[in-house]
Every structure is written in C-alpha cells, then in structure tokens.
Amino acid sequence: MPSTVYRRAMPSADTLERFIARVEQNAHVEAIEEFYTEDATMRENLAPPRVGRATLIAHERAALARVRSVHSRCVRPVLVHGDTVVVRWFFRFEGHDGRIRELEELAWQRWAGERIVEEQFFYDPSQFVWRDPTPG
C-alpha cells in the first residue's frame, strides 16, 4: 500500500485516453514514468506488490528485454467509478526466437487525480505458453 495519503479523485477522461494511447503505442516504460505516482504499487494476481515507480520501471524494462516486440490493445469499454478504473488489455508478445504468446488481462487501478497509485493485474497464468506463429 502506498505510504502517501492521496485525495480520492478520478482521472480526467483526457488523462485516461492519453494513458491508454501510451500503452497502445507500446511505450510501457514511458506510461509508468508519466502516469504513476512515485510510490505507486503494482502486483500480478495475488503476488506481493512491487513498490515505487523506479521499481516498476526496472521491472517493465526487464520484461520488455525478454521479448522482441509487444503489441498492446485496450479492449473497450474502460470502466470508471470514482477513483477506480478497470482496463481490459490484450497483449501479443513476440519472443526473440519468433514464437508468440498472447495474454488477456484486467488491470484494476486506483487513481489519485491524474496519476495511478495502485494497480493489480488479473489474468490466467496458463496463458504464459509460447507457441509457434500461425503460418500465413
């Protein structure tokens, strides 16, 4: 949990669209730099959270280094209720060996105005299977 107390406030529609656009541009590290608080947390399913923007950036850089490319797409609608946002994402990763892995997840986020304070990803870990690309 972040150590700073934040006023509960939802992001503006423009901010949310800019965040989604950054991720869809596959600028994942830049999205963390621009849209997360300094003490933000991020966690995978029920794993312990990673804490601090610098830690989140380092983890994201390491994950991206393990693949040749990633294609990111927001599956709309995006759900917003107060300071809570839920985004459904679809990611297609291409490994350095040309194999493919696809991942669909829900990202539950708590925003403090224009920045993300807390994020938790929900996905089925069985999706982490590499497969040969489909010909054609």
N, C-alpha and C. Protein backbone atom coordinates (compact mmCIF):
# COMPACT_ATOMS: atom_id res chain seq x y z
N MET A 1 0.84 -1.17 0.00
CA MET A 1 0.00 0.00 0.00
C MET A 1 0.89 1.24 0.00
N PRO A 2 0.56 2.26 -0.81
CA PRO A 2 1.39 3.46 -0.84
C PRO A 2 1.45 4.13 0.53
N SER A 3 2.60 4.73 0.83
CA SER A 3 2.78 5.36 2.13
C SER A 3 2.18 6.76 2.17
N THR A 4 2.02 7.40 1.04
CA THR A 4 1.45 8.74 0.97
C THR A 4 -0.07 8.64 0.98
N VAL A 5 -0.73 9.55 1.66
CA VAL A 5 -2.19 9.59 1.65
C VAL A 5 -2.62 10.48 0.50
N TYR A 6 -3.44 9.94 -0.39
CA TYR A 6 -3.90 10.68 -1.56
C TYR A 6 -5.37 10.99 -1.46
N ARG A 7 -5.74 12.15 -1.97
CA ARG A 7 -7.14 12.51 -2.07
C ARG A 7 -7.77 11.62 -3.12
N ARG A 8 -8.89 11.05 -2.81
CA ARG A 8 -9.57 10.16 -3.75
C ARG A 8 -10.21 11.01 -4.85
N ALA A 9 -9.73 10.84 -6.06
CA ALA A 9 -10.27 11.59 -7.18
C ALA A 9 -10.05 10.81 -8.46
N MET A 10 -11.01 10.90 -9.35
CA MET A 10 -10.91 10.16 -10.60
C MET A 10 -10.05 10.93 -11.59
N PRO A 11 -9.44 10.22 -12.54
CA PRO A 11 -8.67 10.89 -13.59
C PRO A 11 -9.64 11.55 -14.58
N SER A 12 -9.17 12.58 -15.25
CA SER A 12 -9.98 13.18 -16.31
C SER A 12 -10.05 12.19 -17.48
N ALA A 13 -11.08 12.32 -18.30
CA ALA A 13 -11.23 11.46 -19.48
C ALA A 13 -10.04 11.63 -20.41
N ASP A 14 -9.52 12.85 -20.53
CA ASP A 14 -8.36 13.11 -21.39
C ASP A 14 -7.12 12.38 -20.87
N THR A 15 -6.90 12.43 -19.57
CA THR A 15 -5.75 11.73 -18.99
C THR A 15 -5.85 10.24 -19.22
N LEU A 16 -7.01 9.68 -19.00
CA LEU A 16 -7.21 8.24 -19.20
C LEU A 16 -6.95 7.86 -20.66
N GLU A 17 -7.42 8.66 -21.59
CA GLU A 17 -7.18 8.38 -23.02
C GLU A 17 -5.71 8.51 -23.37
N ARG A 18 -5.02 9.49 -22.78
CA ARG A 18 -3.57 9.62 -23.04
C ARG A 18 -2.81 8.43 -22.48
N PHE A 19 -3.21 7.95 -21.30
CA PHE A 19 -2.57 6.77 -20.72
C PHE A 19 -2.76 5.55 -21.63
N ILE A 20 -3.98 5.31 -22.05
CA ILE A 20 -4.27 4.17 -22.93
C ILE A 20 -3.48 4.30 -24.23
N ALA A 21 -3.42 5.48 -24.79
CA ALA A 21 -2.67 5.69 -26.03
C ALA A 21 -1.20 5.36 -25.85
N ARG A 22 -0.61 5.76 -24.71
CA ARG A 22 0.81 5.46 -24.48
C ARG A 22 1.05 3.96 -24.44
N VAL A 23 0.18 3.23 -23.75
CA VAL A 23 0.34 1.78 -23.68
C VAL A 23 0.14 1.17 -25.07
N GLU A 24 -0.87 1.64 -25.80
CA GLU A 24 -1.11 1.10 -27.15
C GLU A 24 0.02 1.45 -28.12
N GLN A 25 0.79 2.48 -27.82
CA GLN A 25 1.99 2.82 -28.60
C GLN A 25 3.16 1.92 -28.19
N ASN A 26 2.91 1.04 -27.24
CA ASN A 26 3.92 0.15 -26.67
C ASN A 26 5.03 0.92 -25.95
N ALA A 27 4.66 2.08 -25.43
CA ALA A 27 5.56 2.90 -24.63
C ALA A 27 5.26 2.62 -23.16
N HIS A 28 5.47 1.37 -22.76
CA HIS A 28 5.10 0.92 -21.42
C HIS A 28 5.91 1.61 -20.33
N VAL A 29 7.20 1.72 -20.51
CA VAL A 29 8.05 2.38 -19.52
C VAL A 29 7.66 3.85 -19.41
N GLU A 30 7.46 4.49 -20.55
CA GLU A 30 7.08 5.90 -20.56
C GLU A 30 5.73 6.12 -19.88
N ALA A 31 4.80 5.17 -20.06
CA ALA A 31 3.50 5.29 -19.39
C ALA A 31 3.67 5.25 -17.88
N ILE A 32 4.55 4.39 -17.39
CA ILE A 32 4.80 4.33 -15.95
C ILE A 32 5.41 5.65 -15.48
N GLU A 33 6.39 6.16 -16.23
CA GLU A 33 7.04 7.42 -15.86
C GLU A 33 6.03 8.57 -15.80
N GLU A 34 5.10 8.60 -16.73
CA GLU A 34 4.20 9.73 -16.88
C GLU A 34 2.93 9.65 -16.04
N PHE A 35 2.47 8.44 -15.72
CA PHE A 35 1.13 8.30 -15.15
C PHE A 35 1.07 7.63 -13.78
N TYR A 36 2.19 7.25 -13.20
CA TYR A 36 2.19 6.59 -11.89
C TYR A 36 2.82 7.50 -10.85
N THR A 37 2.32 7.42 -9.62
CA THR A 37 2.92 8.21 -8.54
C THR A 37 4.29 7.62 -8.19
N GLU A 38 5.08 8.40 -7.51
CA GLU A 38 6.43 7.96 -7.13
C GLU A 38 6.39 6.70 -6.27
N ASP A 39 5.38 6.56 -5.43
CA ASP A 39 5.29 5.40 -4.53
C ASP A 39 4.21 4.40 -4.97
N ALA A 40 3.88 4.40 -6.25
CA ALA A 40 2.85 3.51 -6.76
C ALA A 40 3.21 2.04 -6.52
N THR A 41 2.15 1.22 -6.45
CA THR A 41 2.34 -0.23 -6.33
C THR A 41 1.71 -0.92 -7.52
N MET A 42 2.24 -2.08 -7.84
CA MET A 42 1.76 -2.89 -8.95
C MET A 42 1.91 -4.34 -8.54
N ARG A 43 0.89 -5.15 -8.81
CA ARG A 43 1.00 -6.57 -8.45
C ARG A 43 0.32 -7.43 -9.49
N GLU A 44 0.83 -8.65 -9.60
CA GLU A 44 0.31 -9.66 -10.52
C GLU A 44 -0.59 -10.61 -9.75
N ASN A 45 -1.85 -10.69 -10.12
CA ASN A 45 -2.82 -11.54 -9.42
C ASN A 45 -2.68 -11.31 -7.91
N LEU A 46 -2.35 -12.35 -7.15
CA LEU A 46 -2.25 -12.21 -5.70
C LEU A 46 -0.81 -12.20 -5.18
N ALA A 47 0.14 -12.00 -6.08
CA ALA A 47 1.55 -11.92 -5.69
C ALA A 47 1.78 -10.66 -4.86
N PRO A 48 2.86 -10.63 -4.09
CA PRO A 48 3.18 -9.40 -3.34
C PRO A 48 3.39 -8.23 -4.31
N PRO A 49 3.03 -7.03 -3.91
CA PRO A 49 3.18 -5.89 -4.83
C PRO A 49 4.63 -5.46 -4.98
N ARG A 50 4.91 -4.93 -6.16
CA ARG A 50 6.16 -4.20 -6.38
C ARG A 50 5.85 -2.76 -5.95
N VAL A 51 6.81 -2.11 -5.31
CA VAL A 51 6.55 -0.79 -4.72
C VAL A 51 7.53 0.24 -5.26
N GLY A 52 7.01 1.37 -5.70
CA GLY A 52 7.82 2.50 -6.13
C GLY A 52 7.96 2.55 -7.64
N ARG A 53 7.79 3.73 -8.18
CA ARG A 53 7.85 3.92 -9.64
C ARG A 53 9.18 3.42 -10.22
N ALA A 54 10.29 3.68 -9.55
CA ALA A 54 11.59 3.23 -10.06
C ALA A 54 11.62 1.70 -10.16
N THR A 55 11.06 1.02 -9.18
CA THR A 55 11.00 -0.45 -9.21
C THR A 55 10.09 -0.92 -10.35
N LEU A 56 8.96 -0.25 -10.54
CA LEU A 56 8.04 -0.62 -11.62
C LEU A 56 8.70 -0.45 -12.98
N ILE A 57 9.43 0.64 -13.14
CA ILE A 57 10.13 0.89 -14.40
C ILE A 57 11.19 -0.16 -14.65
N ALA A 58 11.99 -0.48 -13.65
CA ALA A 58 13.04 -1.50 -13.81
C ALA A 58 12.43 -2.85 -14.17
N HIS A 59 11.33 -3.23 -13.53
CA HIS A 59 10.67 -4.50 -13.82
C HIS A 59 10.15 -4.51 -15.26
N GLU A 60 9.55 -3.41 -15.68
CA GLU A 60 9.00 -3.32 -17.04
C GLU A 60 10.10 -3.40 -18.09
N ARG A 61 11.20 -2.70 -17.85
CA ARG A 61 12.34 -2.75 -18.79
C ARG A 61 12.87 -4.18 -18.92
N ALA A 62 12.98 -4.88 -17.80
CA ALA A 62 13.47 -6.26 -17.83
C ALA A 62 12.51 -7.16 -18.59
N ALA A 63 11.21 -6.98 -18.37
CA ALA A 63 10.21 -7.80 -19.07
C ALA A 63 10.27 -7.54 -20.58
N LEU A 64 10.39 -6.29 -20.97
CA LEU A 64 10.44 -5.96 -22.39
C LEU A 64 11.72 -6.46 -23.05
N ALA A 65 12.81 -6.52 -22.30
CA ALA A 65 14.08 -7.01 -22.85
C ALA A 65 14.01 -8.50 -23.18
N ARG A 66 13.06 -9.21 -22.55
CA ARG A 66 12.93 -10.65 -22.79
C ARG A 66 12.15 -10.98 -24.06
N VAL A 67 11.63 -9.96 -24.76
CA VAL A 67 10.87 -10.19 -25.99
C VAL A 67 11.38 -9.29 -27.11
N ARG A 68 11.11 -9.73 -28.33
CA ARG A 68 11.48 -8.92 -29.50
C ARG A 68 10.51 -7.76 -29.66
N SER A 69 9.23 -8.04 -29.46
CA SER A 69 8.23 -6.98 -29.62
C SER A 69 6.98 -7.32 -28.83
N VAL A 70 6.17 -6.28 -28.61
CA VAL A 70 4.88 -6.45 -27.95
C VAL A 70 3.87 -5.56 -28.66
N HIS A 71 2.68 -6.08 -28.85
CA HIS A 71 1.57 -5.31 -29.41
C HIS A 71 0.51 -5.23 -28.32
N SER A 72 0.13 -4.02 -27.94
CA SER A 72 -0.79 -3.80 -26.82
C SER A 72 -2.07 -3.16 -27.34
N ARG A 73 -3.21 -3.68 -26.86
CA ARG A 73 -4.50 -3.15 -27.29
C ARG A 73 -5.47 -3.11 -26.13
N CYS A 74 -6.11 -1.98 -25.96
CA CYS A 74 -7.17 -1.82 -24.97
C CYS A 74 -8.46 -2.37 -25.58
N VAL A 75 -9.14 -3.23 -24.84
CA VAL A 75 -10.42 -3.77 -25.27
C VAL A 75 -11.48 -2.97 -24.52
N ARG A 76 -12.20 -2.16 -25.24
CA ARG A 76 -13.19 -1.26 -24.61
C ARG A 76 -14.50 -1.97 -24.36
N PRO A 77 -15.29 -1.46 -23.40
CA PRO A 77 -15.19 -0.18 -22.73
C PRO A 77 -14.24 -0.23 -21.55
N VAL A 78 -13.74 0.94 -21.17
CA VAL A 78 -12.97 1.11 -19.95
C VAL A 78 -13.98 1.46 -18.86
N LEU A 79 -13.87 0.80 -17.73
CA LEU A 79 -14.82 1.02 -16.64
C LEU A 79 -14.24 2.01 -15.63
N VAL A 80 -15.00 3.05 -15.32
CA VAL A 80 -14.56 4.08 -14.38
C VAL A 80 -15.65 4.29 -13.35
N HIS A 81 -15.25 4.22 -12.09
CA HIS A 81 -16.17 4.51 -10.99
C HIS A 81 -15.38 5.23 -9.91
N GLY A 82 -15.58 6.53 -9.79
CA GLY A 82 -14.81 7.31 -8.83
C GLY A 82 -13.33 7.25 -9.17
N ASP A 83 -12.52 6.86 -8.20
CA ASP A 83 -11.06 6.78 -8.42
C ASP A 83 -10.61 5.41 -8.91
N THR A 84 -11.57 4.52 -9.21
CA THR A 84 -11.25 3.17 -9.67
C THR A 84 -11.49 3.06 -11.17
N VAL A 85 -10.47 2.52 -11.85
CA VAL A 85 -10.54 2.30 -13.30
C VAL A 85 -10.19 0.85 -13.56
N VAL A 86 -10.94 0.20 -14.45
CA VAL A 86 -10.62 -1.16 -14.87
C VAL A 86 -10.45 -1.14 -16.39
N VAL A 87 -9.28 -1.61 -16.83
CA VAL A 87 -8.96 -1.66 -18.26
C VAL A 87 -8.75 -3.11 -18.64
N ARG A 88 -9.37 -3.52 -19.71
CA ARG A 88 -9.14 -4.87 -20.26
C ARG A 88 -8.09 -4.72 -21.36
N TRP A 89 -7.00 -5.45 -21.21
CA TRP A 89 -5.88 -5.37 -22.15
C TRP A 89 -5.71 -6.70 -22.88
N PHE A 90 -5.24 -6.61 -24.10
CA PHE A 90 -4.81 -7.77 -24.88
C PHE A 90 -3.40 -7.47 -25.34
N PHE A 91 -2.47 -8.38 -25.02
CA PHE A 91 -1.06 -8.22 -25.40
C PHE A 91 -0.64 -9.40 -26.27
N ARG A 92 0.12 -9.10 -27.29
CA ARG A 92 0.72 -10.14 -28.15
C ARG A 92 2.23 -9.92 -28.11
N PHE A 93 2.93 -10.89 -27.56
CA PHE A 93 4.38 -10.82 -27.43
C PHE A 93 5.03 -11.69 -28.50
N GLU A 94 6.09 -11.18 -29.10
CA GLU A 94 6.90 -11.99 -30.00
C GLU A 94 8.26 -12.18 -29.32
N GLY A 95 8.62 -13.45 -29.12
CA GLY A 95 9.89 -13.76 -28.49
C GLY A 95 11.06 -13.54 -29.44
N HIS A 96 12.25 -13.54 -28.90
CA HIS A 96 13.45 -13.37 -29.73
C HIS A 96 13.60 -14.53 -30.72
N ASP A 97 12.97 -15.66 -30.43
CA ASP A 97 13.02 -16.82 -31.32
C ASP A 97 11.86 -16.86 -32.31
N GLY A 98 11.01 -15.82 -32.31
CA GLY A 98 9.89 -15.75 -33.24
C GLY A 98 8.59 -16.36 -32.73
N ARG A 99 8.66 -17.06 -31.59
CA ARG A 99 7.42 -17.64 -31.06
C ARG A 99 6.54 -16.55 -30.46
N ILE A 100 5.27 -16.86 -30.32
CA ILE A 100 4.25 -15.90 -29.91
C ILE A 100 3.63 -16.31 -28.58
N ARG A 101 3.28 -15.31 -27.79
CA ARG A 101 2.50 -15.53 -26.57
C ARG A 101 1.47 -14.41 -26.49
N GLU A 102 0.23 -14.78 -26.22
CA GLU A 102 -0.85 -13.80 -26.11
C GLU A 102 -1.39 -13.82 -24.69
N LEU A 103 -1.73 -12.65 -24.19
CA LEU A 103 -2.19 -12.51 -22.82
C LEU A 103 -3.36 -11.53 -22.79
N GLU A 104 -4.43 -11.94 -22.15
CA GLU A 104 -5.54 -11.05 -21.90
C GLU A 104 -5.65 -10.87 -20.39
N GLU A 105 -5.80 -9.62 -19.95
CA GLU A 105 -5.84 -9.35 -18.52
C GLU A 105 -6.77 -8.19 -18.22
N LEU A 106 -7.17 -8.12 -16.97
CA LEU A 106 -7.86 -6.95 -16.44
C LEU A 106 -6.89 -6.23 -15.53
N ALA A 107 -6.77 -4.93 -15.71
CA ALA A 107 -5.94 -4.10 -14.86
C ALA A 107 -6.85 -3.25 -13.99
N TRP A 108 -6.87 -3.53 -12.69
CA TRP A 108 -7.64 -2.75 -11.73
C TRP A 108 -6.71 -1.67 -11.21
N GLN A 109 -7.14 -0.42 -11.34
CA GLN A 109 -6.29 0.71 -10.95
C GLN A 109 -7.02 1.61 -9.97
N ARG A 110 -6.26 2.17 -9.04
CA ARG A 110 -6.77 3.23 -8.17
C ARG A 110 -5.98 4.49 -8.51
N TRP A 111 -6.70 5.51 -8.90
CA TRP A 111 -6.09 6.77 -9.31
C TRP A 111 -6.21 7.80 -8.20
N ALA A 112 -5.25 8.70 -8.13
CA ALA A 112 -5.32 9.89 -7.29
C ALA A 112 -5.25 11.06 -8.26
N GLY A 113 -6.40 11.50 -8.71
CA GLY A 113 -6.43 12.56 -9.71
C GLY A 113 -5.87 12.04 -11.02
N GLU A 114 -4.75 12.58 -11.44
CA GLU A 114 -4.20 12.27 -12.77
C GLU A 114 -3.11 11.21 -12.76
N ARG A 115 -2.93 10.52 -11.63
CA ARG A 115 -1.87 9.50 -11.56
C ARG A 115 -2.38 8.23 -10.89
N ILE A 116 -1.77 7.12 -11.30
CA ILE A 116 -2.12 5.82 -10.75
C ILE A 116 -1.31 5.60 -9.47
N VAL A 117 -2.03 5.22 -8.41
CA VAL A 117 -1.42 4.97 -7.11
C VAL A 117 -1.23 3.47 -6.90
N GLU A 118 -2.18 2.69 -7.40
CA GLU A 118 -2.19 1.25 -7.13
C GLU A 118 -2.76 0.53 -8.36
N GLU A 119 -2.13 -0.58 -8.72
CA GLU A 119 -2.61 -1.36 -9.86
C GLU A 119 -2.44 -2.84 -9.56
N GLN A 120 -3.44 -3.60 -9.93
CA GLN A 120 -3.38 -5.05 -9.78
C GLN A 120 -3.88 -5.67 -11.07
N PHE A 121 -3.10 -6.62 -11.58
CA PHE A 121 -3.46 -7.32 -12.81
C PHE A 121 -4.11 -8.65 -12.47
N PHE A 122 -5.16 -8.98 -13.18
CA PHE A 122 -5.85 -10.26 -13.02
C PHE A 122 -5.81 -10.96 -14.37
N TYR A 123 -5.22 -12.16 -14.39
CA TYR A 123 -5.13 -12.94 -15.63
C TYR A 123 -4.94 -14.40 -15.27
N ASP A 124 -5.17 -15.22 -16.26
CA ASP A 124 -4.99 -16.67 -16.11
C ASP A 124 -3.53 -16.99 -16.44
N PRO A 125 -2.74 -17.47 -15.48
CA PRO A 125 -1.32 -17.77 -15.74
C PRO A 125 -1.12 -18.84 -16.81
N SER A 126 -2.13 -19.64 -17.12
CA SER A 126 -1.96 -20.66 -18.15
C SER A 126 -1.75 -20.03 -19.54
N GLN A 127 -1.96 -18.72 -19.66
CA GLN A 127 -1.71 -18.04 -20.93
C GLN A 127 -0.22 -17.90 -21.24
N PHE A 128 0.63 -18.13 -20.26
CA PHE A 128 2.07 -17.95 -20.44
C PHE A 128 2.70 -19.14 -21.15
N VAL A 129 2.18 -19.43 -22.31
CA VAL A 129 2.68 -20.52 -23.14
C VAL A 129 3.13 -19.95 -24.47
N TRP A 130 4.36 -20.23 -24.82
CA TRP A 130 4.88 -19.79 -26.11
C TRP A 130 4.44 -20.78 -27.17
N ARG A 131 4.07 -20.28 -28.35
CA ARG A 131 3.67 -21.16 -29.46
C ARG A 131 4.28 -20.63 -30.74
N ASP A 132 4.41 -21.53 -31.69
CA ASP A 132 4.92 -21.13 -32.99
C ASP A 132 3.89 -20.24 -33.68
N PRO A 133 4.35 -19.24 -34.44
CA PRO A 133 3.39 -18.36 -35.11
C PRO A 133 2.58 -19.14 -36.15
N THR A 134 1.35 -18.73 -36.35
CA THR A 134 0.50 -19.37 -37.35
C THR A 134 0.98 -18.96 -38.73
N PRO A 135 1.21 -19.92 -39.63
CA PRO A 135 1.67 -19.57 -40.98
C PRO A 135 0.60 -18.76 -41.72
N GLY A 136 1.09 -17.86 -42.57
CA GLY A 136 0.19 -17.10 -43.45
C GLY A 136 -0.25 -15.91 -42.80
